[in-house]
Amino acid sequence: MRRIRFAGAGLTDFSSSGDPDERVLVEFDGHRRSYTVRRWDETAGTLDIDFAVHAGGAAADWARAATVGSRVRLSRAKGWYHPPADAQWHLLLADLTGLPAAGRIIENLPAGTAAHLVAEVPDARDEQRWSTAADLTVTWLHGTGNGHGPSVLPHHLATLALPPGPGYVWSAGETGASRAIRSHLRRGLGWGADRFDVMGYWQADKERWLARYREVETRIEELTARELSSGKSLDEVRDAVDAALDEAGL
């Protein structure tokens, strides 16, 4: 992981969303990628982004080569971390790409908040430590997911004994794993969508996935339109689309 600090007159008009997992589109050398704002210092006018410098990839190559004076364009910030007011505990699930957002969430948790992070990283060298007022426990999972193999985050969630009382789950990682996590929360546990926020940050084997999706794209679009016209909620529509994607092997 390499942290890069951005500064300059171009950040004068930057406005934080206030969400600890806020992300911006970063445009560099003709490429655009979405990244977490790891830290925004309004007084100093600096913005930090952590780049996972894995082998290959335009963003990783750019981050490794970046020096003072390297320039990017940034979009407006948007976040998804919105726990319900009655949440008595927080469960965070993240692979390496979700770790910057998880770290910022942890650092901003109120004192005494019961929180458990399950983080899937390549190896122990990727583990991090944070300063937090929360009552935090961390489980590190090594050697799975992150492009090295299937993520075990969905299975780990399914085997966890969740605390009593109303809670909240935030998750960020590979899209297929994220869909499995969302399915477990919605169908397995019967949770309402207000009790979790699950994001897919990247797609494993993207070219194969896109090729397969093109084969079923019309069917998925027709299903989406049919579900929307039937008066179902957006969450119910998403459930139906997720099930169709699973059936198609996506």
Foldseek 3Di string as FASTA:
>chain_A
DDKDKDADPLLLPADEPPQLQKWKWKAAPNDTAIFGFLDADNVRRMTMTDDDLDPDDPVNVCRVPDDPPGDIDIDHIDDDDDADPFAQAEEEEEELRCVSSVQSCQAPDDAAHHYEYEYEYADPVSDDDHDHNYPYDYHYHHRDDPQRYHDCRLVVVVPDDDDDDQHAYEYEEAPVSLLSNVCCVCPVVVDDPNRYHTYHRHYHPVVVLVVLCVVCVVVLVVLLVVCVVVVDDPVVSVVVSSVVCVVSVD
